[in-house]
Structure formats: structure tokens, C-alpha cells
Amino acid sequence: MSNKEKHWAKTRGHMLLTLALWAFFSMVVFLFGYEINSMSFLGYPLGYYMTAQGSLLAFVLIIFWFANRQEKIDEEFGFGEKED
């Protein structure tokens, strides 16, 4: 397997994990809204909080995590953009 194919395989796995996290925070969490609302966070029902702020925060964290991890994968296989 060439270096390019190994890079793509690792990138594809990383991308699928990121999409699974995105699907979880955008769809799965809200399927359990009734059960989640029985708990509270900062005085608000947890379902409301996850809709208003929690999922948005999760998406921002996912974006930064994705970019950081992808940069490490690129550097591992010699496709990094950093100049020495």
C-alpha cells in the first residue's frame, strides 16, 4: 500500500468518525428529548440547553478537533503544510 493510500485510509476513518459525532449531536441527542428534559443544567431542562447551546458548542469543538487531528495525519504521511 502506497503512502498516499495509507493517508487516504486514515483520513477516511477520521472523516467517518467526525460524521458519526456530528450525527449524534444533531439527531440522536434529540430523539431522547423527553428523557433528557427530566434532567436540568443551569436551571434549564437539559433538552432545551442542548438545543440552544450544547450542540452548537459540540459542533465548534468537533471542527477544531477535526482540523487538529487532520493536520497530524497530514504531517505523519508527509502532506503537511508547515514550512521549516
PDB file of N, CA and C in Angstrom:
ATOM      1  N   MET A   1       0.847  -1.168   0.000  1.00  0.00           N
ATOM      2  CA  MET A   1       0.000   0.000   0.000  1.00  0.00           C
ATOM      3  C   MET A   1       0.900   1.242   0.000  1.00  0.00           C
ATOM      4  N   SER A   2       0.638   2.166  -0.904  1.00  0.00           N
ATOM      5  CA  SER A   2       1.475   3.358  -1.011  1.00  0.00           C
ATOM      6  C   SER A   2       1.173   4.340   0.122  1.00  0.00           C
ATOM      7  N   ASN A   3       2.061   5.303   0.259  1.00  0.00           N
ATOM      8  CA  ASN A   3       1.912   6.323   1.296  1.00  0.00           C
ATOM      9  C   ASN A   3       0.614   7.113   1.100  1.00  0.00           C
ATOM     10  N   LYS A   4       0.274   7.401  -0.145  1.00  0.00           N
ATOM     11  CA  LYS A   4      -0.946   8.147  -0.452  1.00  0.00           C
ATOM     12  C   LYS A   4      -2.194   7.344  -0.070  1.00  0.00           C
ATOM     13  N   GLU A   5      -2.172   6.045  -0.323  1.00  0.00           N
ATOM     14  CA  GLU A   5      -3.315   5.196   0.030  1.00  0.00           C
ATOM     15  C   GLU A   5      -3.468   5.065   1.544  1.00  0.00           C
ATOM     16  N   LYS A   6      -2.346   4.974   2.264  1.00  0.00           N
ATOM     17  CA  LYS A   6      -2.397   4.912   3.725  1.00  0.00           C
ATOM     18  C   LYS A   6      -2.954   6.217   4.292  1.00  0.00           C
ATOM     19  N   HIS A   7      -2.526   7.332   3.707  1.00  0.00           N
ATOM     20  CA  HIS A   7      -3.023   8.645   4.136  1.00  0.00           C
ATOM     21  C   HIS A   7      -4.532   8.722   3.920  1.00  0.00           C
ATOM     22  N   TRP A   8      -4.987   8.306   2.757  1.00  0.00           N
ATOM     23  CA  TRP A   8      -6.415   8.379   2.467  1.00  0.00           C
ATOM     24  C   TRP A   8      -7.207   7.452   3.392  1.00  0.00           C
ATOM     25  N   ALA A   9      -6.700   6.278   3.683  1.00  0.00           N
ATOM     26  CA  ALA A   9      -7.400   5.343   4.571  1.00  0.00           C
ATOM     27  C   ALA A   9      -7.556   5.946   5.970  1.00  0.00           C
ATOM     28  N   LYS A  10      -6.504   6.555   6.485  1.00  0.00           N
ATOM     29  CA  LYS A  10      -6.582   7.163   7.814  1.00  0.00           C
ATOM     30  C   LYS A  10      -7.483   8.395   7.791  1.00  0.00           C
ATOM     31  N   THR A  11      -7.411   9.189   6.736  1.00  0.00           N
ATOM     32  CA  THR A  11      -8.271  10.368   6.605  1.00  0.00           C
ATOM     33  C   THR A  11      -9.731   9.957   6.498  1.00  0.00           C
ATOM     34  N   ARG A  12     -10.013   8.915   5.752  1.00  0.00           N
ATOM     35  CA  ARG A  12     -11.394   8.437   5.597  1.00  0.00           C
ATOM     36  C   ARG A  12     -11.968   7.961   6.933  1.00  0.00           C
ATOM     37  N   GLY A  13     -11.173   7.241   7.701  1.00  0.00           N
ATOM     38  CA  GLY A  13     -11.612   6.798   9.015  1.00  0.00           C
ATOM     39  C   GLY A  13     -11.879   7.973   9.946  1.00  0.00           C
ATOM     40  N   HIS A  14     -11.018   8.959   9.891  1.00  0.00           N
ATOM     41  CA  HIS A  14     -11.192  10.167  10.699  1.00  0.00           C
ATOM     42  C   HIS A  14     -12.459  10.920  10.291  1.00  0.00           C
ATOM     43  N   MET A  15     -12.697  11.009   8.995  1.00  0.00           N
ATOM     44  CA  MET A  15     -13.880  11.696   8.489  1.00  0.00           C
ATOM     45  C   MET A  15     -15.155  10.964   8.909  1.00  0.00           C
ATOM     46  N   LEU A  16     -15.166   9.639   8.848  1.00  0.00           N
ATOM     47  CA  LEU A  16     -16.350   8.876   9.241  1.00  0.00           C
ATOM     48  C   LEU A  16     -16.631   9.012  10.732  1.00  0.00           C
ATOM     49  N   LEU A  17     -15.589   9.028  11.553  1.00  0.00           N
ATOM     50  CA  LEU A  17     -15.776   9.255  12.983  1.00  0.00           C
ATOM     51  C   LEU A  17     -16.360  10.645  13.237  1.00  0.00           C
ATOM     52  N   THR A  18     -15.860  11.642  12.523  1.00  0.00           N
ATOM     53  CA  THR A  18     -16.372  13.005  12.672  1.00  0.00           C
ATOM     54  C   THR A  18     -17.835  13.083  12.257  1.00  0.00           C
ATOM     55  N   LEU A  19     -18.204  12.437  11.172  1.00  0.00           N
ATOM     56  CA  LEU A  19     -19.602  12.436  10.741  1.00  0.00           C
ATOM     57  C   LEU A  19     -20.495  11.716  11.738  1.00  0.00           C
ATOM     58  N   ALA A  20     -19.979  10.657  12.362  1.00  0.00           N
ATOM     59  CA  ALA A  20     -20.762   9.954  13.385  1.00  0.00           C
ATOM     60  C   ALA A  20     -20.990  10.854  14.600  1.00  0.00           C
ATOM     61  N   LEU A  21     -19.969  11.595  15.014  1.00  0.00           N
ATOM     62  CA  LEU A  21     -20.136  12.535  16.122  1.00  0.00           C
ATOM     63  C   LEU A  21     -21.140  13.624  15.768  1.00  0.00           C
ATOM     64  N   TRP A  22     -21.047  14.141  14.541  1.00  0.00           N
ATOM     65  CA  TRP A  22     -21.980  15.169  14.095  1.00  0.00           C
ATOM     66  C   TRP A  22     -23.413  14.626  14.108  1.00  0.00           C
ATOM     67  N   ALA A  23     -23.617  13.419  13.602  1.00  0.00           N
ATOM     68  CA  ALA A  23     -24.956  12.818  13.577  1.00  0.00           C
ATOM     69  C   ALA A  23     -25.483  12.621  14.996  1.00  0.00           C
ATOM     70  N   PHE A  24     -24.613  12.203  15.902  1.00  0.00           N
ATOM     71  CA  PHE A  24     -25.033  12.002  17.288  1.00  0.00           C
ATOM     72  C   PHE A  24     -25.532  13.310  17.887  1.00  0.00           C
ATOM     73  N   PHE A  25     -24.749  14.386  17.751  1.00  0.00           N
ATOM     74  CA  PHE A  25     -25.116  15.648  18.374  1.00  0.00           C
ATOM     75  C   PHE A  25     -26.220  16.391  17.632  1.00  0.00           C
ATOM     76  N   SER A  26     -26.457  16.066  16.376  1.00  0.00           N
ATOM     77  CA  SER A  26     -27.515  16.764  15.652  1.00  0.00           C
ATOM     78  C   SER A  26     -28.825  15.996  15.609  1.00  0.00           C
ATOM     79  N   MET A  27     -28.806  14.672  15.757  1.00  0.00           N
ATOM     80  CA  MET A  27     -30.040  13.902  15.642  1.00  0.00           C
ATOM     81  C   MET A  27     -30.319  13.011  16.844  1.00  0.00           C
ATOM     82  N   VAL A  28     -29.367  12.218  17.254  1.00  0.00           N
ATOM     83  CA  VAL A  28     -29.599  11.201  18.279  1.00  0.00           C
ATOM     84  C   VAL A  28     -29.934  11.825  19.629  1.00  0.00           C
ATOM     85  N   VAL A  29     -29.242  12.884  20.002  1.00  0.00           N
ATOM     86  CA  VAL A  29     -29.498  13.517  21.296  1.00  0.00           C
ATOM     87  C   VAL A  29     -30.952  13.950  21.399  1.00  0.00           C
ATOM     88  N   PHE A  30     -31.505  14.453  20.317  1.00  0.00           N
ATOM     89  CA  PHE A  30     -32.862  14.997  20.357  1.00  0.00           C
ATOM     90  C   PHE A  30     -33.939  13.921  20.250  1.00  0.00           C
ATOM     91  N   LEU A  31     -33.559  12.709  19.875  1.00  0.00           N
ATOM     92  CA  LEU A  31     -34.528  11.613  19.875  1.00  0.00           C
ATOM     93  C   LEU A  31     -34.945  11.254  21.301  1.00  0.00           C
ATOM     94  N   PHE A  32     -34.096  11.578  22.249  1.00  0.00           N
ATOM     95  CA  PHE A  32     -34.373  11.284  23.651  1.00  0.00           C
ATOM     96  C   PHE A  32     -34.721  12.555  24.420  1.00  0.00           C
ATOM     97  N   GLY A  33     -35.371  13.495  23.753  1.00  0.00           N
ATOM     98  CA  GLY A  33     -35.693  14.786  24.349  1.00  0.00           C
ATOM     99  C   GLY A  33     -36.532  14.675  25.605  1.00  0.00           C
ATOM    100  N   TYR A  34     -37.514  13.815  25.616  1.00  0.00           N
ATOM    101  CA  TYR A  34     -38.377  13.675  26.787  1.00  0.00           C
ATOM    102  C   TYR A  34     -37.579  13.189  27.992  1.00  0.00           C
ATOM    103  N   GLU A  35     -36.745  12.181  27.776  1.00  0.00           N
ATOM    104  CA  GLU A  35     -35.933  11.658  28.867  1.00  0.00           C
ATOM    105  C   GLU A  35     -34.879  12.668  29.317  1.00  0.00           C
ATOM    106  N   ILE A  36     -34.320  13.390  28.354  1.00  0.00           N
ATOM    107  CA  ILE A  36     -33.288  14.377  28.671  1.00  0.00           C
ATOM    108  C   ILE A  36     -33.877  15.536  29.465  1.00  0.00           C
ATOM    109  N   ASN A  37     -35.125  15.919  29.176  1.00  0.00           N
ATOM    110  CA  ASN A  37     -35.738  17.046  29.874  1.00  0.00           C
ATOM    111  C   ASN A  37     -35.993  16.768  31.346  1.00  0.00           C
ATOM    112  N   SER A  38     -35.914  15.522  31.766  1.00  0.00           N
ATOM    113  CA  SER A  38     -36.086  15.226  33.184  1.00  0.00           C
ATOM    114  C   SER A  38     -34.874  15.681  33.991  1.00  0.00           C
ATOM    115  N   MET A  39     -33.753  15.940  33.324  1.00  0.00           N
ATOM    116  CA  MET A  39     -32.556  16.465  33.979  1.00  0.00           C
ATOM    117  C   MET A  39     -32.463  17.957  33.692  1.00  0.00           C
ATOM    118  N   SER A  40     -31.718  18.682  34.490  1.00  0.00           N
ATOM    119  CA  SER A  40     -31.559  20.113  34.240  1.00  0.00           C
ATOM    120  C   SER A  40     -30.079  20.487  34.275  1.00  0.00           C
ATOM    121  N   PHE A  41     -29.782  21.598  33.616  1.00  0.00           N
ATOM    122  CA  PHE A  41     -28.437  22.135  33.574  1.00  0.00           C
ATOM    123  C   PHE A  41     -28.545  23.650  33.673  1.00  0.00           C
ATOM    124  N   LEU A  42     -27.933  24.242  34.674  1.00  0.00           N
ATOM    125  CA  LEU A  42     -28.015  25.682  34.937  1.00  0.00           C
ATOM    126  C   LEU A  42     -29.452  26.158  35.083  1.00  0.00           C
ATOM    127  N   GLY A  43     -30.313  25.314  35.606  1.00  0.00           N
ATOM    128  CA  GLY A  43     -31.701  25.686  35.844  1.00  0.00           C
ATOM    129  C   GLY A  43     -32.625  25.490  34.656  1.00  0.00           C
ATOM    130  N   TYR A  44     -32.124  25.055  33.523  1.00  0.00           N
ATOM    131  CA  TYR A  44     -32.935  24.819  32.331  1.00  0.00           C
ATOM    132  C   TYR A  44     -33.045  23.323  32.089  1.00  0.00           C
ATOM    133  N   PRO A  45     -34.138  22.880  31.466  1.00  0.00           N
ATOM    134  CA  PRO A  45     -34.203  21.462  31.089  1.00  0.00           C
ATOM    135  C   PRO A  45     -33.040  21.137  30.148  1.00  0.00           C
ATOM    136  N   LEU A  46     -32.445  19.977  30.323  1.00  0.00           N
ATOM    137  CA  LEU A  46     -31.258  19.623  29.549  1.00  0.00           C
ATOM    138  C   LEU A  46     -31.539  19.583  28.045  1.00  0.00           C
ATOM    139  N   GLY A  47     -32.723  19.156  27.648  1.00  0.00           N
ATOM    140  CA  GLY A  47     -33.068  19.149  26.222  1.00  0.00           C
ATOM    141  C   GLY A  47     -33.046  20.541  25.628  1.00  0.00           C
ATOM    142  N   TYR A  48     -33.566  21.507  26.361  1.00  0.00           N
ATOM    143  CA  TYR A  48     -33.545  22.904  25.904  1.00  0.00           C
ATOM    144  C   TYR A  48     -32.107  23.397  25.804  1.00  0.00           C
ATOM    145  N   TYR A  49     -31.315  23.125  26.835  1.00  0.00           N
ATOM    146  CA  TYR A  49     -29.938  23.579  26.832  1.00  0.00           C
ATOM    147  C   TYR A  49     -29.157  22.974  25.665  1.00  0.00           C
ATOM    148  N   MET A  50     -29.347  21.665  25.417  1.00  0.00           N
ATOM    149  CA  MET A  50     -28.640  21.017  24.301  1.00  0.00           C
ATOM    150  C   MET A  50     -29.055  21.623  22.970  1.00  0.00           C
ATOM    151  N   THR A  51     -30.321  22.023  22.844  1.00  0.00           N
ATOM    152  CA  THR A  51     -30.777  22.649  21.606  1.00  0.00           C
ATOM    153  C   THR A  51     -30.198  24.043  21.463  1.00  0.00           C
ATOM    154  N   ALA A  52     -30.240  24.814  22.533  1.00  0.00           N
ATOM    155  CA  ALA A  52     -29.839  26.211  22.459  1.00  0.00           C
ATOM    156  C   ALA A  52     -28.330  26.407  22.379  1.00  0.00           C
ATOM    157  N   GLN A  53     -27.589  25.663  23.180  1.00  0.00           N
ATOM    158  CA  GLN A  53     -26.153  25.917  23.243  1.00  0.00           C
ATOM    159  C   GLN A  53     -25.287  24.676  23.168  1.00  0.00           C
ATOM    160  N   GLY A  54     -25.741  23.603  23.745  1.00  0.00           N
ATOM    161  CA  GLY A  54     -24.894  22.421  23.862  1.00  0.00           C
ATOM    162  C   GLY A  54     -24.445  21.857  22.530  1.00  0.00           C
ATOM    163  N   SER A  55     -25.368  21.709  21.596  1.00  0.00           N
ATOM    164  CA  SER A  55     -24.991  21.145  20.300  1.00  0.00           C
ATOM    165  C   SER A  55     -24.106  22.098  19.517  1.00  0.00           C
ATOM    166  N   LEU A  56     -24.376  23.388  19.605  1.00  0.00           N
ATOM    167  CA  LEU A  56     -23.521  24.353  18.906  1.00  0.00           C
ATOM    168  C   LEU A  56     -22.097  24.305  19.449  1.00  0.00           C
ATOM    169  N   LEU A  57     -21.971  24.212  20.758  1.00  0.00           N
ATOM    170  CA  LEU A  57     -20.649  24.086  21.361  1.00  0.00           C
ATOM    171  C   LEU A  57     -19.977  22.790  20.912  1.00  0.00           C
ATOM    172  N   ALA A  58     -20.738  21.717  20.862  1.00  0.00           N
ATOM    173  CA  ALA A  58     -20.186  20.435  20.409  1.00  0.00           C
ATOM    174  C   ALA A  58     -19.705  20.538  18.960  1.00  0.00           C
ATOM    175  N   PHE A  59     -20.469  21.215  18.096  1.00  0.00           N
ATOM    176  CA  PHE A  59     -20.067  21.350  16.694  1.00  0.00           C
ATOM    177  C   PHE A  59     -18.775  22.148  16.561  1.00  0.00           C
ATOM    178  N   VAL A  60     -18.630  23.222  17.328  1.00  0.00           N
ATOM    179  CA  VAL A  60     -17.401  24.021  17.279  1.00  0.00           C
ATOM    180  C   VAL A  60     -16.209  23.196  17.761  1.00  0.00           C
ATOM    181  N   LEU A  61     -16.405  22.452  18.844  1.00  0.00           N
ATOM    182  CA  LEU A  61     -15.322  21.594  19.339  1.00  0.00           C
ATOM    183  C   LEU A  61     -14.957  20.515  18.331  1.00  0.00           C
ATOM    184  N   ILE A  62     -15.951  19.949  17.653  1.00  0.00           N
ATOM    185  CA  ILE A  62     -15.696  18.937  16.629  1.00  0.00           C
ATOM    186  C   ILE A  62     -14.877  19.526  15.486  1.00  0.00           C
ATOM    187  N   ILE A  63     -15.189  20.759  15.081  1.00  0.00           N
ATOM    188  CA  ILE A  63     -14.455  21.398  13.984  1.00  0.00           C
ATOM    189  C   ILE A  63     -12.979  21.571  14.353  1.00  0.00           C
ATOM    190  N   PHE A  64     -12.716  22.096  15.556  1.00  0.00           N
ATOM    191  CA  PHE A  64     -11.326  22.294  15.967  1.00  0.00           C
ATOM    192  C   PHE A  64     -10.603  20.973  16.142  1.00  0.00           C
ATOM    193  N   TRP A  65     -11.282  19.981  16.720  1.00  0.00           N
ATOM    194  CA  TRP A  65     -10.671  18.659  16.880  1.00  0.00           C
ATOM    195  C   TRP A  65     -10.355  18.055  15.507  1.00  0.00           C
ATOM    196  N   PHE A  66     -11.296  18.166  14.561  1.00  0.00           N
ATOM    197  CA  PHE A  66     -11.092  17.610  13.228  1.00  0.00           C
ATOM    198  C   PHE A  66      -9.869  18.241  12.561  1.00  0.00           C
ATOM    199  N   ALA A  67      -9.787  19.573  12.584  1.00  0.00           N
ATOM    200  CA  ALA A  67      -8.681  20.261  11.923  1.00  0.00           C
ATOM    201  C   ALA A  67      -7.335  19.891  12.554  1.00  0.00           C
ATOM    202  N   ASN A  68      -7.295  19.836  13.873  1.00  0.00           N
ATOM    203  CA  ASN A  68      -6.053  19.490  14.563  1.00  0.00           C
ATOM    204  C   ASN A  68      -5.626  18.059  14.246  1.00  0.00           C
ATOM    205  N   ARG A  69      -6.560  17.143  14.321  1.00  0.00           N
ATOM    206  CA  ARG A  69      -6.244  15.728  14.048  1.00  0.00           C
ATOM    207  C   ARG A  69      -5.855  15.533  12.579  1.00  0.00           C
ATOM    208  N   GLN A  70      -6.532  16.217  11.673  1.00  0.00           N
ATOM    209  CA  GLN A  70      -6.202  16.075  10.252  1.00  0.00           C
ATOM    210  C   GLN A  70      -4.810  16.618   9.964  1.00  0.00           C
ATOM    211  N   GLU A  71      -4.425  17.700  10.616  1.00  0.00           N
ATOM    212  CA  GLU A  71      -3.082  18.238  10.444  1.00  0.00           C
ATOM    213  C   GLU A  71      -2.030  17.224  10.894  1.00  0.00           C
ATOM    214  N   LYS A  72      -2.301  16.517  12.004  1.00  0.00           N
ATOM    215  CA  LYS A  72      -1.372  15.492  12.476  1.00  0.00           C
ATOM    216  C   LYS A  72      -1.285  14.327  11.492  1.00  0.00           C
ATOM    217  N   ILE A  73      -2.419  13.943  10.921  1.00  0.00           N
ATOM    218  CA  ILE A  73      -2.413  12.868   9.924  1.00  0.00           C
ATOM    219  C   ILE A  73      -1.620  13.300   8.700  1.00  0.00           C
ATOM    220  N   ASP A  74      -1.817  14.540   8.243  1.00  0.00           N
ATOM    221  CA  ASP A  74      -1.086  15.041   7.084  1.00  0.00           C
ATOM    222  C   ASP A  74       0.417  15.064   7.334  1.00  0.00           C
ATOM    223  N   GLU A  75       0.817  15.508   8.520  1.00  0.00           N
ATOM    224  CA  GLU A  75       2.243  15.548   8.851  1.00  0.00           C
ATOM    225  C   GLU A  75       2.833  14.149   8.950  1.00  0.00           C
ATOM    226  N   GLU A  76       2.046  13.214   9.461  1.00  0.00           N
ATOM    227  CA  GLU A  76       2.516  11.832   9.602  1.00  0.00           C
ATOM    228  C   GLU A  76       2.896  11.227   8.257  1.00  0.00           C
ATOM    229  N   PHE A  77       2.156  11.578   7.218  1.00  0.00           N
ATOM    230  CA  PHE A  77       2.396  10.995   5.897  1.00  0.00           C
ATOM    231  C   PHE A  77       3.119  11.949   4.948  1.00  0.00           C
ATOM    232  N   GLY A  78       3.600  13.077   5.452  1.00  0.00           N
ATOM    233  CA  GLY A  78       4.389  13.982   4.627  1.00  0.00           C
ATOM    234  C   GLY A  78       3.588  14.918   3.767  1.00  0.00           C
ATOM    235  N   PHE A  79       2.328  15.162   4.103  1.00  0.00           N
ATOM    236  CA  PHE A  79       1.497  16.086   3.342  1.00  0.00           C
ATOM    237  C   PHE A  79       1.206  17.368   4.100  1.00  0.00           C
ATOM    238  N   GLY A  80       1.952  17.632   5.171  1.00  0.00           N
ATOM    239  CA  GLY A  80       1.719  18.820   5.993  1.00  0.00           C
ATOM    240  C   GLY A  80       2.052  20.093   5.251  1.00  0.00           C
ATOM    241  N   GLU A  81       1.491  21.194   5.732  1.00  0.00           N
ATOM    242  CA  GLU A  81       1.724  22.490   5.086  1.00  0.00           C
ATOM    243  C   GLU A  81       2.717  23.346   5.829  1.00  0.00           C
ATOM    244  N   LYS A  82       3.203  22.897   6.965  1.00  0.00           N
ATOM    245  CA  LYS A  82       4.136  23.700   7.747  1.00  0.00           C
ATOM    246  C   LYS A  82       5.479  23.763   7.034  1.00  0.00           C
ATOM    247  N   GLU A  83       6.031  24.993   7.014  1.00  0.00           N
ATOM    248  CA  GLU A  83       7.355  25.180   6.408  1.00  0.00           C
ATOM    249  C   GLU A  83       8.373  25.334   7.514  1.00  0.00           C
ATOM    250  N   ASP A  84       9.517  24.718   7.352  1.00  0.00           N
ATOM    251  CA  ASP A  84      10.576  24.803   8.367  1.00  0.00           C
ATOM    252  C   ASP A  84      11.522  25.921   8.074  1.00  0.00           C
TER     253      ASP A  84
END
